[in-house]
């Protein structure tokens, strides 16, 4: 997995 995946997950939590 890439580190970006973690960032995307955080963004998803903020969006959803």
PDB file of N, CA and C in Angstrom:
ATOM      1  N   UNK A   1       0.847  -1.203   0.000  1.00  0.00           N
ATOM      2  CA  UNK A   1       0.000   0.000   0.000  1.00  0.00           C
ATOM      3  C   UNK A   1       0.878   1.246   0.000  1.00  0.00           C
ATOM      4  N   UNK A   2       0.350   2.280  -0.567  1.00  0.00           N
ATOM      5  CA  UNK A   2       1.118   3.529  -0.599  1.00  0.00           C
ATOM      6  C   UNK A   2       0.695   4.440   0.548  1.00  0.00           C
ATOM      7  N   UNK A   3       1.570   5.347   0.905  1.00  0.00           N
ATOM      8  CA  UNK A   3       1.252   6.280   1.994  1.00  0.00           C
ATOM      9  C   UNK A   3       0.054   7.130   1.595  1.00  0.00           C
ATOM     10  N   UNK A   4      -0.071   7.396   0.293  1.00  0.00           N
ATOM     11  CA  UNK A   4      -1.184   8.213  -0.192  1.00  0.00           C
ATOM     12  C   UNK A   4      -2.518   7.590   0.189  1.00  0.00           C
ATOM     13  N   UNK A   5      -2.533   6.270   0.279  1.00  0.00           N
ATOM     14  CA  UNK A   5      -3.771   5.580   0.648  1.00  0.00           C
ATOM     15  C   UNK A   5      -4.286   6.093   1.987  1.00  0.00           C
ATOM     16  N   UNK A   6      -3.372   6.325   2.911  1.00  0.00           N
ATOM     17  CA  UNK A   6      -3.772   6.828   4.235  1.00  0.00           C
ATOM     18  C   UNK A   6      -4.369   8.219   4.099  1.00  0.00           C
ATOM     19  N   UNK A   7      -3.755   9.043   3.265  1.00  0.00           N
ATOM     20  CA  UNK A   7      -4.260  10.401   3.074  1.00  0.00           C
ATOM     21  C   UNK A   7      -5.649  10.359   2.464  1.00  0.00           C
ATOM     22  N   UNK A   8      -5.832   9.475   1.498  1.00  0.00           N
ATOM     23  CA  UNK A   8      -7.135   9.339   0.843  1.00  0.00           C
ATOM     24  C   UNK A   8      -8.181   8.910   1.863  1.00  0.00           C
ATOM     25  N   UNK A   9      -7.795   7.992   2.738  1.00  0.00           N
ATOM     26  CA  UNK A   9      -8.729   7.520   3.764  1.00  0.00           C
ATOM     27  C   UNK A   9      -9.147   8.676   4.666  1.00  0.00           C
ATOM     28  N   UNK A  10      -8.195   9.509   5.043  1.00  0.00           N
ATOM     29  CA  UNK A  10      -8.517  10.653   5.903  1.00  0.00           C
ATOM     30  C   UNK A  10      -9.468  11.596   5.180  1.00  0.00           C
ATOM     31  N   UNK A  11      -9.218  11.834   3.917  1.00  0.00           N
ATOM     32  CA  UNK A  11     -10.082  12.729   3.130  1.00  0.00           C
ATOM     33  C   UNK A  11     -11.479  12.142   3.034  1.00  0.00           C
ATOM     34  N   UNK A  12     -11.557  10.825   2.825  1.00  0.00           N
ATOM     35  CA  UNK A  12     -12.867  10.170   2.726  1.00  0.00           C
ATOM     36  C   UNK A  12     -13.638  10.348   4.024  1.00  0.00           C
ATOM     37  N   UNK A  13     -12.956  10.259   5.146  1.00  0.00           N
ATOM     38  CA  UNK A  13     -13.635  10.434   6.439  1.00  0.00           C
ATOM     39  C   UNK A  13     -14.186  11.854   6.542  1.00  0.00           C
ATOM     40  N   UNK A  14     -13.439  12.818   6.023  1.00  0.00           N
ATOM     41  CA  UNK A  14     -13.896  14.213   6.079  1.00  0.00           C
ATOM     42  C   UNK A  14     -15.073  14.427   5.133  1.00  0.00           C
ATOM     43  N   UNK A  15     -14.991  13.834   3.933  1.00  0.00           N
ATOM     44  CA  UNK A  15     -16.064  13.996   2.948  1.00  0.00           C
ATOM     45  C   UNK A  15     -17.307  13.230   3.372  1.00  0.00           C
ATOM     46  N   UNK A  16     -17.093  11.991   3.828  1.00  0.00           N
ATOM     47  CA  UNK A  16     -18.234  11.165   4.234  1.00  0.00           C
ATOM     48  C   UNK A  16     -18.355  11.171   5.749  1.00  0.00           C
TER      49      UNK A  16
END
